[in-house]
Protein backbone atom coordinates (compact mmCIF):
# COMPACT_ATOMS: atom_id res chain seq x y z
CA MET A 1 35.51 195.63 146.86
CA THR A 2 35.64 192.00 145.85
CA SER A 3 32.89 189.43 145.66
CA THR A 4 33.08 185.69 145.88
CA THR A 5 30.92 183.17 144.09
CA THR A 6 30.29 179.63 145.16
CA THR A 7 30.27 176.74 142.75
CA PRO A 8 29.13 173.16 143.29
CA SER A 9 31.77 170.93 144.82
CA THR A 10 33.75 168.96 142.24
CA GLY A 11 33.85 165.99 144.61
CA SER A 12 30.08 166.11 145.03
CA THR A 13 29.52 166.17 141.27
CA ALA A 14 31.98 163.32 140.69
CA THR A 15 30.38 161.22 143.42
CA GLN A 16 26.94 161.80 142.00
CA GLU A 17 28.09 160.84 138.49
CA ASN A 18 29.63 157.62 139.83
CA VAL A 19 26.38 156.69 141.55
CA LYS A 20 24.43 157.45 138.38
CA ARG A 21 26.65 155.13 136.35
CA LYS A 22 26.07 152.30 138.81
CA SER A 23 22.31 152.83 138.97
CA ASN A 24 19.62 153.07 136.31
CA ASP A 25 17.24 154.71 138.78
CA PRO A 26 15.45 157.62 137.03
CA GLY A 27 15.30 159.44 140.36
CA TRP A 28 18.89 160.64 139.86
CA GLU A 29 17.64 162.95 137.11
CA TYR A 30 16.02 165.15 139.76
CA VAL A 31 18.66 165.16 142.49
CA VAL A 32 21.87 166.89 143.47
CA CYS A 33 24.08 165.45 146.23
CA VAL A 34 24.56 168.03 148.97
CA ASN A 35 27.50 166.28 150.63
CA PRO A 36 29.63 163.66 148.80
CA LYS A 37 30.29 161.93 152.14
CA LYS A 38 26.58 161.70 152.96
CA LEU A 39 24.72 160.36 149.93
CA GLU A 40 21.48 160.21 151.91
CA ARG A 41 21.44 164.03 151.95
CA VAL A 42 20.05 165.20 148.60
CA LYS A 43 18.47 168.28 147.01
CA CYS A 44 15.64 168.46 144.49
CA ILE A 45 16.66 170.31 141.33
CA LEU A 46 13.06 171.37 140.67
CA CYS A 47 12.32 173.24 143.91
CA ASN A 48 15.79 173.24 145.59
CA LYS A 49 14.44 171.52 148.71
CA GLU A 50 17.06 169.63 150.73
CA MET A 51 16.10 166.44 152.52
CA GLY A 52 17.47 163.28 154.08
CA GLY A 53 16.49 159.74 153.23
CA GLY A 54 18.35 159.41 149.95
CA ILE A 55 17.01 158.83 146.47
CA ASN A 56 13.84 156.99 147.60
CA ARG A 57 12.74 159.94 149.73
CA LEU A 58 13.44 162.26 146.78
CA LYS A 59 11.25 160.13 144.49
CA GLN A 60 8.42 160.31 147.02
CA HIS A 61 8.89 164.08 147.03
CA ILE A 62 8.68 164.26 143.22
CA ALA A 63 5.76 161.78 143.00
CA GLN A 64 3.88 163.75 145.70
CA ILE A 65 3.46 160.70 147.95
CA LYS A 66 2.44 161.89 151.40
CA GLY A 67 3.75 160.50 154.68
CA ASN A 68 7.51 160.96 154.82
CA VAL A 69 8.21 164.19 152.94
CA SER A 70 6.43 167.24 151.57
CA SER A 71 5.35 167.29 147.91
CA CYS A 72 7.33 169.09 145.24
CA PRO A 73 5.33 172.13 144.04
CA LYS A 74 7.06 172.23 140.64
CA THR A 75 6.73 168.61 139.55
CA THR A 76 4.80 167.68 136.41
CA LYS A 77 2.46 164.77 135.79
CA HIS A 78 5.17 163.09 133.72
CA ASP A 79 7.68 163.43 136.58
CA GLN A 80 5.17 162.02 139.08
CA ILE A 81 4.40 158.96 136.97
CA LYS A 82 8.10 158.35 136.30
CA CYS A 83 9.04 158.40 139.99
CA ARG A 84 5.99 156.39 141.06
CA ASP A 85 6.87 153.66 138.55
CA ALA A 86 10.46 153.64 139.83
CA LEU A 87 9.25 153.23 143.43
CA LEU A 88 6.96 150.36 142.43
CA ASP A 89 9.79 148.63 140.56
CA ASN A 90 12.05 148.87 143.62
CA GLN A 91 9.26 147.55 145.83
CA ASN A 92 8.69 144.53 143.57
CA LYS A 93 12.43 143.77 143.47
CA LYS A 94 12.66 143.90 147.27
CA ARG A 95 9.67 141.60 147.63
CA GLY A 96 11.30 139.14 145.25
CA SER A 97 14.51 139.12 147.28
CA ALA A 98 12.82 138.57 150.65
CA GLN A 99 14.67 136.05 152.77
CA VAL A 100 12.80 133.52 154.88
CA ASN A 101 14.72 132.10 157.84
CA ILE A 102 13.17 128.97 159.30
CA ARG A 103 14.42 127.40 162.51
CA SER A 104 14.60 123.63 162.62
CA SER A 105 12.88 123.10 165.94
CA GLU A 106 9.10 122.78 165.76
CA ASN A 107 8.66 124.59 169.06
CA GLU A 108 10.69 127.64 168.04
CA THR A 109 9.24 130.73 166.39
CA ILE A 110 9.65 131.12 162.65
CA THR A 111 10.77 134.64 161.77
CA ILE A 112 10.33 136.11 158.32
CA ASP A 113 12.73 139.00 157.69
CA ASP A 114 11.88 141.18 154.72
CA ASP A 115 13.54 144.39 153.57
CA LEU A 116 11.81 147.52 154.72
CA ILE A 117 9.56 148.35 151.81
CA GLU A 118 8.04 151.80 151.46
CA ASP A 119 4.66 151.60 149.83
CA SER A 120 2.55 154.23 148.04
CA PHE A 121 1.22 155.48 151.39
CA GLY A 122 4.72 156.09 152.69
CA SER A 123 4.53 153.36 155.31
CA LYS A 124 7.09 150.59 155.86
CA LYS A 125 6.56 146.87 155.87
CA ALA A 126 7.31 145.63 159.35
CA LYS A 127 8.93 142.44 160.53
CA CYS A 128 6.40 139.65 161.13
CA SER A 129 6.72 136.68 163.47
CA PHE A 130 4.77 133.45 163.00
CA GLY A 131 4.35 130.35 165.10
CA PRO A 132 5.06 126.84 163.75
CA MET A 133 1.45 126.17 162.74
CA ASP A 134 1.25 129.41 160.73
CA TRP A 135 3.80 128.11 158.24
CA PHE A 136 1.45 125.59 156.62
CA PRO A 137 -0.90 128.05 154.84
CA ASN A 138 2.05 129.79 153.13
CA THR A 139 2.70 129.14 149.44
CA ILE A 140 5.52 126.71 148.63
CA ASN A 141 7.42 127.23 145.39
CA PRO A 142 7.22 124.00 143.28
CA GLN A 143 10.72 124.67 141.94
CA ASP A 144 12.10 124.16 145.44
CA VAL A 145 10.60 120.68 145.68
CA SER A 146 13.29 118.10 144.99
CA ASN A 147 11.73 114.87 146.24
CA MET A 148 8.39 113.18 146.76
CA GLY A 149 8.28 113.96 150.48
CA LYS A 150 8.52 117.70 149.90
CA SER A 151 5.94 117.43 147.13
CA LYS A 152 3.44 115.86 149.53
CA GLN A 153 4.14 118.61 152.06
CA GLU A 154 3.50 121.22 149.36
CA ASN A 155 0.15 119.65 148.46
CA MET A 156 -0.89 119.63 152.12
CA SER A 157 0.08 123.30 152.46
CA ASN A 158 -1.95 124.20 149.37
CA VAL A 159 -5.01 122.44 150.77
CA ILE A 160 -4.77 124.30 154.08
CA ARG A 161 -4.13 127.59 152.29
CA LYS A 162 -7.20 127.03 150.12
CA GLU A 163 -9.33 126.40 153.22
CA HIS A 164 -8.05 129.63 154.77
CA MET A 165 -8.85 131.55 151.57
CA ILE A 166 -12.40 130.18 151.50
CA ARG A 167 -12.91 131.34 155.08
CA VAL A 168 -11.55 134.81 154.29
CA LYS A 169 -13.91 135.21 151.33
CA GLU A 170 -16.81 133.84 153.37
CA TYR A 171 -16.41 136.51 156.07
CA ILE A 172 -15.91 139.28 153.51
CA CYS A 173 -19.12 138.31 151.71
CA ARG A 174 -21.04 137.97 154.98
CA TRP A 175 -19.99 141.50 155.97
CA ALA A 176 -20.99 142.81 152.52
CA TYR A 177 -24.44 141.18 152.72
CA GLU A 178 -25.06 142.49 156.24
CA CYS A 179 -24.02 146.08 155.39
CA ALA A 180 -25.54 146.11 151.88
CA ILE A 181 -22.22 146.86 150.19
CA PRO A 182 -22.55 147.00 146.37
CA PHE A 183 -20.73 144.12 144.69
CA HIS A 184 -18.85 146.39 142.29
CA ALA A 185 -17.10 147.97 145.30
CA PHE A 186 -14.91 144.86 145.54
CA GLU A 187 -13.55 145.46 142.04
CA LYS A 188 -11.94 148.75 143.12
CA ASP A 189 -8.16 148.88 143.38
CA ASN A 190 -8.40 150.46 146.83
CA PHE A 191 -10.19 147.37 148.14
CA LYS A 192 -7.37 145.15 146.87
CA ILE A 193 -4.80 147.49 148.41
CA MET A 194 -6.69 147.35 151.70
CA LEU A 195 -6.58 143.53 151.75
CA GLU A 196 -2.84 143.56 150.99
CA THR A 197 -2.21 146.10 153.76
CA VAL A 198 -4.13 144.05 156.33
CA GLY A 199 -2.26 140.93 155.25
CA GLN A 200 1.09 142.68 155.72
CA PHE A 201 0.05 143.85 159.18
CA GLY A 202 -0.80 140.32 160.28
CA ARG A 203 -3.10 139.15 163.04
CA GLY A 204 -4.93 141.57 165.29
CA ALA A 205 -5.32 144.46 162.83
CA PRO A 206 -7.70 146.91 164.60
CA PRO A 207 -10.51 148.52 162.56
CA PRO A 208 -10.85 152.32 162.59
CA THR A 209 -13.27 153.78 165.11
CA ARG A 210 -16.28 155.90 164.16
CA TYR A 211 -14.42 159.02 165.25
CA GLU A 212 -11.37 158.12 163.16
CA MET A 213 -13.53 157.47 160.09
CA GLY A 214 -15.48 160.70 160.49
CA GLU A 215 -12.64 162.96 161.62
CA THR A 216 -9.02 161.78 161.52
CA TYR A 217 -8.88 159.78 158.31
CA LEU A 218 -11.63 161.75 156.57
CA LYS A 219 -9.54 164.93 156.92
CA LYS A 220 -6.47 163.06 155.65
CA GLU A 221 -8.39 161.84 152.61
CA VAL A 222 -9.68 165.34 151.86
CA GLU A 223 -6.11 166.66 152.09
CA ARG A 224 -4.85 163.87 149.81
CA THR A 225 -7.56 164.65 147.25
CA ILE A 226 -6.71 168.35 147.29
CA ASN A 227 -3.04 167.52 146.73
CA LEU A 228 -3.97 165.30 143.78
CA LEU A 229 -5.60 168.33 142.14
CA THR A 230 -2.43 170.45 142.35
CA PRO A 231 -1.08 169.35 138.91
CA TYR A 232 -4.49 170.15 137.38
CA LYS A 233 -4.48 173.68 138.80
CA ASP A 234 -0.92 174.22 137.58
CA GLU A 235 -2.04 173.20 134.11
CA TRP A 236 -4.91 175.70 134.28
CA LYS A 237 -2.47 178.51 135.04
CA SER A 238 -0.06 177.49 132.28
CA ASN A 239 -2.35 176.65 129.35
CA GLY A 240 -5.83 177.67 130.44
CA CYS A 241 -8.99 175.62 130.90
CA SER A 242 -12.69 175.45 130.00
CA ILE A 243 -15.61 175.74 132.42
CA MET A 244 -18.49 173.38 131.67
CA THR A 245 -21.92 173.33 133.32
CA ASP A 246 -24.58 170.67 133.62
CA ALA A 247 -27.94 171.87 135.00
CA TRP A 248 -31.27 170.15 135.60
CA SER A 249 -34.25 170.08 137.99
CA ASP A 250 -35.17 167.30 140.38
CA ARG A 251 -38.67 165.95 141.05
CA LYS A 252 -39.36 168.83 143.43
CA ARG A 253 -38.38 171.29 140.65
CA ARG A 254 -35.25 172.38 142.50
CA SER A 255 -32.44 173.61 140.27
CA ILE A 256 -29.22 171.59 140.37
CA MET A 257 -26.00 172.50 138.62
CA ASN A 258 -22.62 170.80 138.31
CA LEU A 259 -19.50 172.77 137.44
CA CYS A 260 -16.65 170.97 135.66
CA VAL A 261 -13.22 172.19 134.61
CA ASN A 262 -11.64 170.70 131.49
CA SER A 263 -7.98 170.89 130.47
CA LYS A 264 -5.26 168.71 128.94
CA MET A 265 -4.98 166.94 132.30
CA GLY A 266 -8.63 165.86 132.11
CA THR A 267 -12.04 166.90 133.47
CA ILE A 268 -12.81 167.28 137.17
CA PHE A 269 -15.75 168.53 139.22
CA PHE A 270 -15.25 172.01 140.64
CA VAL A 271 -16.66 173.17 143.97
CA ILE A 272 -16.93 176.88 144.67
């Protein structure tokens, strides 16, 4: 009775090595090419999961970014940070290489084509179309100004852009005053990300409904928070943890207790 063993394809290994030499992307440290003719088909070396979408999808898998692929159950905090940084670097490079095509006729639509950029939420930046008047608020690079006429046009654009920015801040502050939003809430990174996301969407961005805030997106946020705790729980199993308590009584003499779990990953509240 004879048995056969399978070994990785030599062509697949050679192809992967060639791609690694041409790219400094750290994501290749966690990937194995399944088919040398289809580089978009890869396999995670940590959990052996196969997936399409290429190296970017694999980095989302390692970094545990929800939206396009399931999270890797065997990734470490170091691996997550490494792949997240690589995704952010690629995103910044793509933004820097965005090409703006402007038609000469004033009555024609100006189309801005940007590479599809996958953000930390797993969404893609869509193609935006602007009318002729929408061009003026956009920033003009001073290095591209070669004569006095273009310089005057740049100054006019900056003035209009400043007026638009004042109006944006005015409406944000008015909403905050009306709803009694604490001022420190605007210093949060999530608020800045929200503004950037709305700006990328463009005009007509619809707000979430009450149902979506209380059901759809609340459940998604709970799921995202639970997934963020996965590396902590893995650390507890590997190296142990400490349970800390904080108890007191309120004005009505009711007992209140907080449970916290401390490990090398940090301290988090624990709910039984």
